[in-house]
């Protein structure tokens, strides 16, 4: 049976994976590359750098539970200094979540754009893209949200993409397009993670009189 996860569960799973295995993966890649070119100094130096970045990332994330303003400063500095690191995108997602809690949608949008640009995988890029589209809907930028979702994303995210499209269409008053998008989300397994999706479809059915 296929297992569905919410976006937040997917983000947390990715964070946990990198915290537990990031250094080993990086180390394996570096060892392979170093063995190929016979450059042991590069191997040791690169691995040490990656371990330092991983440790700094953990420190930044842990600071989120304490000094709110301090976390934002540390996170911004971390991204600027480590923009080519796999952890930059995860840090940007944490900043976006923090800004969303304060309903600062412009900053949320900016942080999510950074997360997309620095995403180390298509999965993280998809999560950030879908969240950005939701924020754009919140900002009444409906066409922009639909354009954000127009790019190619992994099939596993089809349900979320279609549901957000439906939200944008509904806000535009395009009920038929909204209904089609919600149904596509249901067909893609969206009810597994979001039971309210059925309510959205039912509400549209009630809003449309039978002919």
N, C-alpha and C. Protein backbone atom coordinates (compact mmCIF):
# COMPACT_ATOMS: atom_id res chain seq x y z
N UNK A 1 0.85 -1.20 0.00
CA UNK A 1 0.00 0.00 0.00
C UNK A 1 0.88 1.24 0.00
N UNK A 2 0.54 2.21 -0.83
CA UNK A 2 1.33 3.44 -0.92
C UNK A 2 1.09 4.28 0.31
N UNK A 3 2.14 4.83 0.87
CA UNK A 3 2.04 5.66 2.06
C UNK A 3 2.13 7.13 1.68
N UNK A 4 1.15 7.92 2.12
CA UNK A 4 1.13 9.34 1.82
C UNK A 4 1.57 10.11 3.07
N UNK A 5 2.29 11.21 2.86
CA UNK A 5 2.74 12.06 3.94
C UNK A 5 2.34 13.49 3.67
N UNK A 6 2.10 14.23 4.74
CA UNK A 6 1.85 15.66 4.58
C UNK A 6 3.17 16.33 4.23
N UNK A 7 3.09 17.57 3.73
CA UNK A 7 4.32 18.30 3.38
C UNK A 7 5.21 18.47 4.61
N UNK A 8 4.59 18.79 5.76
CA UNK A 8 5.39 19.01 6.97
C UNK A 8 6.11 17.74 7.38
N UNK A 9 5.44 16.59 7.25
CA UNK A 9 6.08 15.31 7.56
C UNK A 9 7.23 15.04 6.60
N UNK A 10 7.04 15.41 5.33
CA UNK A 10 8.11 15.21 4.35
C UNK A 10 9.32 16.07 4.67
N UNK A 11 9.07 17.33 5.05
CA UNK A 11 10.18 18.22 5.41
C UNK A 11 10.92 17.69 6.61
N UNK A 12 10.18 17.28 7.64
CA UNK A 12 10.82 16.77 8.85
C UNK A 12 11.60 15.50 8.56
N UNK A 13 11.07 14.64 7.68
CA UNK A 13 11.78 13.41 7.32
C UNK A 13 13.09 13.72 6.61
N UNK A 14 13.04 14.71 5.71
CA UNK A 14 14.26 15.11 4.99
C UNK A 14 15.29 15.69 5.95
N UNK A 15 14.82 16.55 6.87
CA UNK A 15 15.74 17.14 7.86
C UNK A 15 16.39 16.04 8.69
N UNK A 16 15.57 15.10 9.16
CA UNK A 16 16.10 14.01 10.00
C UNK A 16 17.10 13.16 9.23
N UNK A 17 16.78 12.90 7.96
CA UNK A 17 17.68 12.08 7.13
C UNK A 17 19.04 12.75 6.99
N UNK A 18 19.03 14.06 6.70
CA UNK A 18 20.30 14.76 6.52
C UNK A 18 21.06 14.87 7.82
N UNK A 19 20.34 15.05 8.95
CA UNK A 19 21.01 15.14 10.24
C UNK A 19 21.70 13.83 10.59
N UNK A 20 21.03 12.70 10.23
CA UNK A 20 21.56 11.40 10.59
C UNK A 20 22.56 10.85 9.57
N UNK A 21 22.37 11.21 8.29
CA UNK A 21 23.16 10.58 7.24
C UNK A 21 23.93 11.53 6.35
N UNK A 22 23.69 12.84 6.52
CA UNK A 22 24.31 13.80 5.62
C UNK A 22 25.82 13.67 5.53
N UNK A 23 26.46 13.58 6.69
CA UNK A 23 27.92 13.50 6.69
C UNK A 23 28.44 12.23 6.02
N UNK A 24 27.70 11.11 6.21
CA UNK A 24 28.13 9.86 5.60
C UNK A 24 27.99 9.91 4.07
N UNK A 25 26.88 10.50 3.61
CA UNK A 25 26.67 10.62 2.16
C UNK A 25 27.74 11.51 1.55
N UNK A 26 27.93 12.68 2.19
CA UNK A 26 28.94 13.61 1.70
C UNK A 26 30.31 12.97 1.74
N UNK A 27 30.58 12.26 2.83
CA UNK A 27 31.88 11.60 2.96
C UNK A 27 32.10 10.57 1.88
N UNK A 28 31.03 9.80 1.56
CA UNK A 28 31.14 8.80 0.51
C UNK A 28 31.41 9.41 -0.84
N UNK A 29 30.71 10.52 -1.13
CA UNK A 29 30.93 11.21 -2.40
C UNK A 29 32.34 11.76 -2.49
N UNK A 30 32.77 12.36 -1.40
CA UNK A 30 34.12 12.94 -1.39
C UNK A 30 35.18 11.86 -1.51
N UNK A 31 34.98 10.75 -0.79
CA UNK A 31 35.95 9.65 -0.88
C UNK A 31 36.05 9.12 -2.30
N UNK A 32 34.88 8.97 -2.94
CA UNK A 32 34.89 8.48 -4.31
C UNK A 32 35.60 9.42 -5.25
N UNK A 33 35.31 10.71 -5.10
CA UNK A 33 35.94 11.70 -5.96
C UNK A 33 37.44 11.80 -5.68
N UNK A 34 37.78 11.77 -4.39
CA UNK A 34 39.20 11.88 -4.03
C UNK A 34 39.97 10.66 -4.53
N UNK A 35 39.32 9.48 -4.45
CA UNK A 35 40.00 8.28 -4.94
C UNK A 35 40.23 8.35 -6.44
N UNK A 36 39.30 8.98 -7.12
CA UNK A 36 39.41 9.08 -8.57
C UNK A 36 40.58 9.98 -8.96
N UNK A 37 40.74 11.08 -8.26
CA UNK A 37 41.80 12.01 -8.64
C UNK A 37 43.06 11.85 -7.79
N UNK A 38 42.98 10.96 -6.77
CA UNK A 38 44.15 10.74 -5.94
C UNK A 38 44.57 11.95 -5.16
N UNK A 39 43.61 12.69 -4.65
CA UNK A 39 43.93 13.95 -3.97
C UNK A 39 43.42 13.88 -2.54
N UNK A 40 44.19 13.28 -1.65
CA UNK A 40 43.74 13.03 -0.28
C UNK A 40 43.53 14.30 0.52
N UNK A 41 44.30 15.32 0.22
CA UNK A 41 44.11 16.57 0.96
C UNK A 41 42.71 17.14 0.70
N UNK A 42 42.31 17.09 -0.54
CA UNK A 42 40.96 17.57 -0.90
C UNK A 42 39.91 16.79 -0.14
N UNK A 43 40.08 15.49 -0.07
CA UNK A 43 39.13 14.63 0.61
C UNK A 43 38.96 15.06 2.06
N UNK A 44 40.05 15.15 2.78
CA UNK A 44 39.99 15.48 4.21
C UNK A 44 39.46 16.89 4.43
N UNK A 45 39.89 17.82 3.64
CA UNK A 45 39.49 19.22 3.81
C UNK A 45 38.01 19.41 3.49
N UNK A 46 37.55 18.80 2.41
CA UNK A 46 36.15 18.94 2.00
C UNK A 46 35.21 18.31 3.01
N UNK A 47 35.56 17.13 3.50
CA UNK A 47 34.72 16.46 4.48
C UNK A 47 34.64 17.29 5.77
N UNK A 48 35.75 17.86 6.18
CA UNK A 48 35.76 18.68 7.39
C UNK A 48 34.87 19.91 7.21
N UNK A 49 34.91 20.50 6.02
CA UNK A 49 34.07 21.67 5.75
C UNK A 49 32.59 21.31 5.82
N UNK A 50 32.22 20.17 5.23
CA UNK A 50 30.83 19.75 5.23
C UNK A 50 30.35 19.41 6.64
N UNK A 51 31.20 18.81 7.42
CA UNK A 51 30.85 18.51 8.81
C UNK A 51 30.62 19.79 9.60
N UNK A 52 31.44 20.79 9.32
CA UNK A 52 31.30 22.08 10.01
C UNK A 52 29.99 22.76 9.62
N UNK A 53 29.63 22.68 8.35
CA UNK A 53 28.38 23.28 7.88
C UNK A 53 27.19 22.57 8.53
N UNK A 54 27.25 21.25 8.59
CA UNK A 54 26.17 20.48 9.20
C UNK A 54 25.99 20.85 10.67
N UNK A 55 27.11 21.00 11.37
CA UNK A 55 27.04 21.38 12.79
C UNK A 55 26.49 22.79 12.95
N UNK A 56 26.89 23.70 12.06
CA UNK A 56 26.38 25.08 12.13
C UNK A 56 24.89 25.12 11.85
N UNK A 57 24.45 24.33 10.88
CA UNK A 57 23.02 24.26 10.56
C UNK A 57 22.22 23.82 11.78
N UNK A 58 22.71 22.79 12.46
CA UNK A 58 22.01 22.29 13.64
C UNK A 58 21.92 23.36 14.71
N UNK A 59 22.98 24.12 14.88
CA UNK A 59 22.99 25.20 15.88
C UNK A 59 21.97 26.28 15.52
N UNK A 60 21.90 26.63 14.24
CA UNK A 60 20.95 27.65 13.79
C UNK A 60 19.52 27.20 14.05
N UNK A 61 19.20 25.97 13.68
CA UNK A 61 17.83 25.46 13.84
C UNK A 61 17.45 25.38 15.32
N UNK A 62 18.37 24.96 16.14
CA UNK A 62 18.09 24.87 17.57
C UNK A 62 17.84 26.24 18.18
N UNK A 63 18.43 27.29 17.61
CA UNK A 63 18.24 28.63 18.15
C UNK A 63 16.83 29.15 17.91
N UNK A 64 16.07 28.50 17.01
CA UNK A 64 14.71 28.93 16.70
C UNK A 64 13.80 28.83 17.91
N UNK A 65 14.12 27.91 18.80
CA UNK A 65 13.29 27.71 19.98
C UNK A 65 13.55 28.76 21.06
N UNK A 66 14.58 29.55 20.89
CA UNK A 66 14.92 30.55 21.90
C UNK A 66 14.70 31.97 21.42
N UNK A 67 15.78 32.63 21.06
CA UNK A 67 15.75 34.03 20.65
C UNK A 67 15.21 34.14 19.22
N UNK A 68 13.98 34.66 19.08
CA UNK A 68 13.33 34.74 17.77
C UNK A 68 14.13 35.60 16.79
N UNK A 69 14.47 36.82 17.21
CA UNK A 69 15.20 37.72 16.33
C UNK A 69 16.60 37.19 16.06
N UNK A 70 17.19 36.59 17.06
CA UNK A 70 18.52 36.02 16.89
C UNK A 70 18.53 34.90 15.87
N UNK A 71 17.48 34.10 15.89
CA UNK A 71 17.36 33.00 14.92
C UNK A 71 17.33 33.54 13.50
N UNK A 72 16.54 34.59 13.27
CA UNK A 72 16.43 35.15 11.92
C UNK A 72 17.77 35.67 11.42
N UNK A 73 18.50 36.33 12.30
CA UNK A 73 19.81 36.86 11.92
C UNK A 73 20.77 35.72 11.59
N UNK A 74 20.82 34.72 12.48
CA UNK A 74 21.72 33.59 12.27
C UNK A 74 21.36 32.82 11.00
N UNK A 75 20.06 32.63 10.78
CA UNK A 75 19.63 31.88 9.60
C UNK A 75 19.97 32.62 8.31
N UNK A 76 19.75 33.93 8.29
CA UNK A 76 20.09 34.72 7.10
C UNK A 76 21.59 34.66 6.82
N UNK A 77 22.37 34.79 7.86
CA UNK A 77 23.83 34.75 7.71
C UNK A 77 24.29 33.37 7.24
N UNK A 78 23.63 32.33 7.75
CA UNK A 78 23.99 30.97 7.35
C UNK A 78 23.73 30.76 5.86
N UNK A 79 22.59 31.22 5.38
CA UNK A 79 22.24 31.04 3.96
C UNK A 79 23.21 31.82 3.08
N UNK A 80 23.54 33.04 3.48
CA UNK A 80 24.47 33.84 2.69
C UNK A 80 25.85 33.19 2.61
N UNK A 81 26.26 32.57 3.71
CA UNK A 81 27.59 31.97 3.75
C UNK A 81 27.63 30.57 3.15
N UNK A 82 26.46 29.92 3.07
CA UNK A 82 26.43 28.52 2.63
C UNK A 82 25.35 28.28 1.57
N UNK A 83 25.23 29.23 0.65
CA UNK A 83 24.20 29.15 -0.37
C UNK A 83 24.29 27.93 -1.26
N UNK A 84 25.48 27.32 -1.37
CA UNK A 84 25.66 26.14 -2.21
C UNK A 84 25.55 24.85 -1.42
N UNK A 85 25.15 24.96 -0.15
CA UNK A 85 25.01 23.79 0.71
C UNK A 85 23.60 23.24 0.64
N UNK A 86 23.46 21.94 0.88
CA UNK A 86 22.14 21.32 0.91
C UNK A 86 21.29 21.87 2.05
N UNK A 87 21.95 22.41 3.07
CA UNK A 87 21.23 22.90 4.24
C UNK A 87 20.65 24.30 4.03
N UNK A 88 21.07 25.01 3.01
CA UNK A 88 20.57 26.38 2.79
C UNK A 88 19.07 26.37 2.54
N UNK A 89 18.60 25.43 1.74
CA UNK A 89 17.18 25.34 1.42
C UNK A 89 16.35 25.00 2.65
N UNK A 90 16.83 24.06 3.46
CA UNK A 90 16.10 23.69 4.68
C UNK A 90 16.03 24.87 5.64
N UNK A 91 17.09 25.65 5.71
CA UNK A 91 17.10 26.83 6.57
C UNK A 91 16.10 27.86 6.06
N UNK A 92 16.04 28.04 4.75
CA UNK A 92 15.09 28.98 4.16
C UNK A 92 13.65 28.55 4.44
N UNK A 93 13.39 27.25 4.42
CA UNK A 93 12.06 26.75 4.75
C UNK A 93 11.70 27.07 6.20
N UNK A 94 12.67 26.96 7.09
CA UNK A 94 12.42 27.28 8.50
C UNK A 94 12.15 28.78 8.67
N UNK A 95 12.87 29.61 7.92
CA UNK A 95 12.62 31.05 7.96
C UNK A 95 11.24 31.38 7.42
N UNK A 96 10.83 30.69 6.37
CA UNK A 96 9.51 30.93 5.79
C UNK A 96 8.42 30.55 6.78
N UNK A 97 8.59 29.44 7.45
CA UNK A 97 7.60 29.02 8.45
C UNK A 97 7.51 30.04 9.58
N UNK A 98 8.65 30.55 10.01
CA UNK A 98 8.68 31.55 11.08
C UNK A 98 7.96 32.83 10.63
N UNK A 99 8.22 33.27 9.41
CA UNK A 99 7.58 34.48 8.90
C UNK A 99 6.07 34.28 8.73
N UNK A 100 5.66 33.06 8.35
CA UNK A 100 4.24 32.77 8.18
C UNK A 100 3.50 32.86 9.52
N UNK A 101 4.17 32.46 10.58
CA UNK A 101 3.56 32.54 11.91
C UNK A 101 3.28 33.99 12.31
N UNK A 102 4.01 34.92 11.69
CA UNK A 102 3.80 36.34 11.95
C UNK A 102 3.06 37.02 10.79
N UNK A 103 2.57 36.20 9.85
CA UNK A 103 1.78 36.66 8.70
C UNK A 103 2.50 37.74 7.89
N UNK A 104 3.81 37.60 7.81
CA UNK A 104 4.61 38.49 6.97
C UNK A 104 4.80 37.80 5.62
N UNK A 105 3.79 37.93 4.75
CA UNK A 105 3.75 37.14 3.53
C UNK A 105 4.83 37.52 2.53
N UNK A 106 5.24 38.78 2.52
CA UNK A 106 6.32 39.18 1.61
C UNK A 106 7.61 38.44 1.96
N UNK A 107 7.90 38.35 3.25
CA UNK A 107 9.12 37.64 3.67
C UNK A 107 8.97 36.14 3.45
N UNK A 108 7.78 35.62 3.70
CA UNK A 108 7.55 34.20 3.44
C UNK A 108 7.84 33.89 1.97
N UNK A 109 7.32 34.72 1.10
CA UNK A 109 7.53 34.55 -0.34
C UNK A 109 9.01 34.59 -0.69
N UNK A 110 9.73 35.53 -0.11
CA UNK A 110 11.16 35.67 -0.40
C UNK A 110 11.94 34.44 0.08
N UNK A 111 11.62 33.97 1.28
CA UNK A 111 12.33 32.81 1.83
C UNK A 111 12.02 31.55 1.03
N UNK A 112 10.78 31.39 0.60
CA UNK A 112 10.42 30.22 -0.19
C UNK A 112 11.10 30.25 -1.56
N UNK A 113 11.24 31.43 -2.13
CA UNK A 113 11.97 31.55 -3.40
C UNK A 113 13.42 31.12 -3.23
N UNK A 114 14.00 31.49 -2.09
CA UNK A 114 15.37 31.06 -1.79
C UNK A 114 15.43 29.55 -1.64
N UNK A 115 14.44 28.99 -0.96
CA UNK A 115 14.40 27.53 -0.77
C UNK A 115 14.32 26.81 -2.11
N UNK A 116 13.55 27.36 -3.03
CA UNK A 116 13.43 26.77 -4.37
C UNK A 116 14.76 26.84 -5.11
N UNK A 117 15.38 28.01 -5.07
CA UNK A 117 16.63 28.23 -5.81
C UNK A 117 17.78 27.38 -5.28
N UNK A 118 17.76 27.07 -3.98
CA UNK A 118 18.87 26.32 -3.38
C UNK A 118 18.51 24.87 -3.07
N UNK A 119 17.34 24.43 -3.50
CA UNK A 119 16.88 23.07 -3.18
C UNK A 119 17.85 22.00 -3.67
N UNK A 120 18.25 21.07 -2.80
CA UNK A 120 19.17 20.01 -3.20
C UNK A 120 18.47 18.83 -3.86
N UNK A 121 17.14 18.84 -3.88
CA UNK A 121 16.41 17.74 -4.50
C UNK A 121 15.10 18.27 -5.07
N UNK A 122 14.51 17.49 -5.96
CA UNK A 122 13.24 17.87 -6.56
C UNK A 122 12.11 17.83 -5.53
N UNK A 123 12.25 16.99 -4.52
CA UNK A 123 11.23 16.89 -3.49
C UNK A 123 11.15 18.16 -2.66
N UNK A 124 12.31 18.67 -2.22
CA UNK A 124 12.32 19.90 -1.44
C UNK A 124 11.87 21.06 -2.31
N UNK A 125 12.29 21.07 -3.57
CA UNK A 125 11.85 22.12 -4.49
C UNK A 125 10.33 22.11 -4.63
N UNK A 126 9.73 20.93 -4.71
CA UNK A 126 8.28 20.82 -4.85
C UNK A 126 7.56 21.34 -3.62
N UNK A 127 8.06 20.99 -2.45
CA UNK A 127 7.44 21.46 -1.20
C UNK A 127 7.47 22.99 -1.14
N UNK A 128 8.63 23.57 -1.44
CA UNK A 128 8.75 25.03 -1.39
C UNK A 128 7.89 25.69 -2.46
N UNK A 129 7.79 25.07 -3.62
CA UNK A 129 6.98 25.62 -4.72
C UNK A 129 5.50 25.65 -4.36
N UNK A 130 5.01 24.56 -3.80
CA UNK A 130 3.60 24.49 -3.41
C UNK A 130 3.29 25.49 -2.31
N UNK A 131 4.19 25.62 -1.37
CA UNK A 131 3.98 26.59 -0.28
C UNK A 131 4.00 28.02 -0.84
N UNK A 132 4.88 28.28 -1.79
CA UNK A 132 4.93 29.61 -2.38
C UNK A 132 3.62 29.93 -3.08
N UNK A 133 3.07 28.97 -3.80
CA UNK A 133 1.78 29.19 -4.48
C UNK A 133 0.68 29.49 -3.47
N UNK A 134 0.68 28.82 -2.33
CA UNK A 134 -0.32 29.09 -1.30
C UNK A 134 -0.18 30.51 -0.76
N UNK A 135 1.06 30.95 -0.58
CA UNK A 135 1.29 32.31 -0.10
C UNK A 135 0.82 33.32 -1.14
N UNK A 136 1.08 33.05 -2.39
CA UNK A 136 0.64 33.96 -3.45
C UNK A 136 -0.88 34.06 -3.49
N UNK A 137 -1.56 32.96 -3.20
CA UNK A 137 -3.02 33.00 -3.11
C UNK A 137 -3.43 33.87 -1.92
N UNK A 138 -2.74 33.74 -0.82
CA UNK A 138 -3.01 34.55 0.37
C UNK A 138 -2.84 36.04 0.04
N UNK A 139 -1.93 36.34 -0.87
CA UNK A 139 -1.66 37.72 -1.27
C UNK A 139 -2.53 38.14 -2.46
N UNK A 140 -3.51 37.29 -2.82
CA UNK A 140 -4.44 37.56 -3.92
C UNK A 140 -3.75 37.61 -5.29
N UNK A 141 -2.58 36.99 -5.39
CA UNK A 141 -1.87 36.92 -6.67
C UNK A 141 -2.19 35.57 -7.31
N UNK A 142 -3.43 35.40 -7.74
CA UNK A 142 -3.91 34.10 -8.17
C UNK A 142 -3.25 33.61 -9.46
N UNK A 143 -3.11 34.48 -10.43
CA UNK A 143 -2.45 34.09 -11.67
C UNK A 143 -0.99 33.72 -11.43
N UNK A 144 -0.36 34.46 -10.54
CA UNK A 144 1.04 34.17 -10.21
C UNK A 144 1.15 32.80 -9.54
N UNK A 145 0.19 32.47 -8.69
CA UNK A 145 0.19 31.17 -8.02
C UNK A 145 0.06 30.04 -9.04
N UNK A 146 -0.84 30.22 -10.00
CA UNK A 146 -1.01 29.20 -11.03
C UNK A 146 0.24 29.07 -11.90
N UNK A 147 0.91 30.19 -12.16
CA UNK A 147 2.16 30.14 -12.93
C UNK A 147 3.25 29.43 -12.14
N UNK A 148 3.29 29.65 -10.83
CA UNK A 148 4.27 28.99 -9.97
C UNK A 148 4.12 27.47 -10.05
N UNK A 149 2.87 27.01 -10.13
CA UNK A 149 2.60 25.58 -10.15
C UNK A 149 2.71 24.96 -11.55
N UNK A 150 2.97 25.78 -12.55
CA UNK A 150 2.99 25.29 -13.93
C UNK A 150 4.23 24.48 -14.26
N UNK A 151 5.28 24.62 -13.46
CA UNK A 151 6.51 23.88 -13.73
C UNK A 151 6.36 22.41 -13.43
N UNK A 152 7.30 21.63 -13.92
CA UNK A 152 7.26 20.18 -13.71
C UNK A 152 7.72 19.83 -12.31
N UNK A 153 6.88 19.09 -11.57
CA UNK A 153 7.19 18.66 -10.22
C UNK A 153 7.00 17.15 -10.13
N UNK A 154 7.60 16.49 -9.14
CA UNK A 154 7.46 15.04 -9.02
C UNK A 154 5.99 14.61 -8.92
N UNK A 155 5.68 13.46 -9.49
CA UNK A 155 4.30 12.97 -9.53
C UNK A 155 3.71 12.79 -8.13
N UNK A 156 4.55 12.53 -7.14
CA UNK A 156 4.07 12.32 -5.78
C UNK A 156 3.39 13.55 -5.20
N UNK A 157 3.62 14.71 -5.81
CA UNK A 157 3.04 15.96 -5.31
C UNK A 157 1.83 16.43 -6.12
N UNK A 158 1.36 15.57 -7.02
CA UNK A 158 0.26 15.96 -7.90
C UNK A 158 -0.99 16.36 -7.11
N UNK A 159 -1.33 15.62 -6.07
CA UNK A 159 -2.53 15.93 -5.29
C UNK A 159 -2.45 17.32 -4.68
N UNK A 160 -1.32 17.65 -4.10
CA UNK A 160 -1.15 18.97 -3.48
C UNK A 160 -1.19 20.07 -4.53
N UNK A 161 -0.54 19.84 -5.66
CA UNK A 161 -0.52 20.83 -6.73
C UNK A 161 -1.94 21.10 -7.23
N UNK A 162 -2.70 20.05 -7.48
CA UNK A 162 -4.06 20.22 -8.00
C UNK A 162 -4.97 20.90 -6.98
N UNK A 163 -4.80 20.57 -5.72
CA UNK A 163 -5.64 21.21 -4.70
C UNK A 163 -5.37 22.71 -4.63
N UNK A 164 -4.11 23.09 -4.67
CA UNK A 164 -3.78 24.52 -4.61
C UNK A 164 -4.27 25.22 -5.88
N UNK A 165 -4.18 24.55 -7.02
CA UNK A 165 -4.76 25.12 -8.24
C UNK A 165 -6.25 25.36 -8.04
N UNK A 166 -6.92 24.39 -7.45
CA UNK A 166 -8.34 24.53 -7.18
C UNK A 166 -8.64 25.72 -6.29
N UNK A 167 -7.81 25.92 -5.28
CA UNK A 167 -7.99 27.08 -4.39
C UNK A 167 -7.86 28.39 -5.16
N UNK A 168 -6.89 28.45 -6.07
CA UNK A 168 -6.68 29.67 -6.86
C UNK A 168 -7.87 29.91 -7.79
N UNK A 169 -8.32 28.86 -8.47
CA UNK A 169 -9.47 29.01 -9.36
C UNK A 169 -10.72 29.44 -8.60
N UNK A 170 -10.92 28.87 -7.42
CA UNK A 170 -12.10 29.20 -6.63
C UNK A 170 -12.09 30.67 -6.23
N UNK A 171 -10.92 31.17 -5.85
CA UNK A 171 -10.79 32.58 -5.48
C UNK A 171 -11.08 33.49 -6.68
N UNK A 172 -10.83 32.98 -7.87
CA UNK A 172 -11.09 33.74 -9.09
C UNK A 172 -12.55 33.62 -9.55
N UNK A 173 -13.31 32.79 -8.85
CA UNK A 173 -14.70 32.59 -9.24
C UNK A 173 -14.88 31.60 -10.36
N UNK A 174 -13.84 30.83 -10.68
CA UNK A 174 -13.90 29.84 -11.76
C UNK A 174 -14.24 28.48 -11.16
N UNK A 175 -15.51 28.28 -10.86
CA UNK A 175 -15.95 27.12 -10.10
C UNK A 175 -15.73 25.80 -10.84
N UNK A 176 -15.95 25.78 -12.13
CA UNK A 176 -15.77 24.54 -12.88
C UNK A 176 -14.31 24.10 -12.91
N UNK A 177 -13.42 25.06 -13.13
CA UNK A 177 -11.99 24.74 -13.10
C UNK A 177 -11.57 24.30 -11.71
N UNK A 178 -12.13 24.94 -10.69
CA UNK A 178 -11.82 24.57 -9.32
C UNK A 178 -12.27 23.14 -9.03
N UNK A 179 -13.49 22.81 -9.47
CA UNK A 179 -14.03 21.47 -9.27
C UNK A 179 -13.15 20.42 -9.95
N UNK A 180 -12.75 20.69 -11.17
CA UNK A 180 -11.90 19.75 -11.91
C UNK A 180 -10.56 19.54 -11.21
N UNK A 181 -10.00 20.64 -10.68
CA UNK A 181 -8.71 20.54 -10.00
C UNK A 181 -8.84 19.75 -8.71
N UNK A 182 -9.89 20.01 -7.94
CA UNK A 182 -10.10 19.27 -6.70
C UNK A 182 -10.32 17.78 -6.98
N UNK A 183 -11.07 17.48 -8.03
CA UNK A 183 -11.30 16.08 -8.37
C UNK A 183 -10.00 15.40 -8.77
N UNK A 184 -9.15 16.13 -9.51
CA UNK A 184 -7.84 15.59 -9.88
C UNK A 184 -7.00 15.32 -8.65
N UNK A 185 -7.12 16.19 -7.65
CA UNK A 185 -6.39 15.99 -6.39
C UNK A 185 -6.89 14.74 -5.67
N UNK A 186 -8.20 14.54 -5.66
CA UNK A 186 -8.77 13.34 -5.04
C UNK A 186 -8.29 12.09 -5.77
N UNK A 187 -8.33 12.14 -7.09
CA UNK A 187 -7.90 10.99 -7.91
C UNK A 187 -6.43 10.65 -7.69
N UNK A 188 -5.64 11.66 -7.31
CA UNK A 188 -4.21 11.45 -7.08
C UNK A 188 -3.91 11.03 -5.64
N UNK A 189 -4.96 10.77 -4.85
CA UNK A 189 -4.75 10.30 -3.48
C UNK A 189 -4.77 11.39 -2.44
N UNK A 190 -5.28 12.58 -2.78
CA UNK A 190 -5.25 13.70 -1.85
C UNK A 190 -6.01 13.49 -0.56
N UNK A 191 -7.05 12.65 -0.59
CA UNK A 191 -7.84 12.41 0.63
C UNK A 191 -7.04 11.66 1.69
N UNK A 192 -5.96 11.02 1.29
CA UNK A 192 -5.13 10.28 2.25
C UNK A 192 -4.50 11.20 3.28
N UNK A 193 -4.17 12.41 2.86
CA UNK A 193 -3.51 13.36 3.77
C UNK A 193 -4.36 14.57 4.10
N UNK A 194 -5.43 14.79 3.35
CA UNK A 194 -6.25 15.98 3.58
C UNK A 194 -7.73 15.67 3.37
N UNK A 195 -8.41 15.22 4.43
CA UNK A 195 -9.84 14.89 4.32
C UNK A 195 -10.71 16.10 3.96
N UNK A 196 -10.22 17.32 4.23
CA UNK A 196 -11.02 18.51 3.92
C UNK A 196 -11.17 18.73 2.42
N UNK A 197 -10.38 18.02 1.64
CA UNK A 197 -10.48 18.12 0.19
C UNK A 197 -11.88 17.70 -0.27
N UNK A 198 -12.44 16.68 0.35
CA UNK A 198 -13.79 16.25 0.00
C UNK A 198 -14.82 17.33 0.33
N UNK A 199 -14.58 18.05 1.43
CA UNK A 199 -15.48 19.13 1.80
C UNK A 199 -15.47 20.23 0.75
N UNK A 200 -14.30 20.50 0.18
CA UNK A 200 -14.21 21.53 -0.86
C UNK A 200 -15.03 21.12 -2.08
N UNK A 201 -14.95 19.85 -2.43
CA UNK A 201 -15.74 19.37 -3.56
C UNK A 201 -17.23 19.42 -3.25
N UNK A 202 -17.59 19.01 -2.04
CA UNK A 202 -19.00 19.01 -1.66
C UNK A 202 -19.57 20.43 -1.64
N UNK A 203 -18.78 21.37 -1.15
CA UNK A 203 -19.24 22.76 -1.10
C UNK A 203 -19.52 23.30 -2.51
N UNK A 204 -18.66 22.92 -3.44
CA UNK A 204 -18.86 23.36 -4.82
C UNK A 204 -20.12 22.73 -5.42
N UNK A 205 -20.37 21.47 -5.06
CA UNK A 205 -21.56 20.80 -5.57
C UNK A 205 -22.82 21.48 -5.05
N UNK A 206 -22.81 21.90 -3.78
CA UNK A 206 -23.95 22.58 -3.19
C UNK A 206 -24.14 23.98 -3.76
N UNK A 207 -23.02 24.60 -4.15
CA UNK A 207 -23.08 25.96 -4.66
C UNK A 207 -23.59 26.02 -6.09
N UNK A 208 -23.55 24.86 -6.78
CA UNK A 208 -23.97 24.81 -8.18
C UNK A 208 -25.34 24.16 -8.28
N UNK A 209 -26.39 24.89 -8.64
CA UNK A 209 -27.73 24.28 -8.72
C UNK A 209 -27.82 23.26 -9.86
N UNK A 210 -28.59 22.23 -9.63
CA UNK A 210 -28.78 21.20 -10.67
C UNK A 210 -29.59 21.78 -11.81
N UNK A 211 -29.24 21.37 -13.03
CA UNK A 211 -29.94 21.85 -14.22
C UNK A 211 -30.88 20.78 -14.75
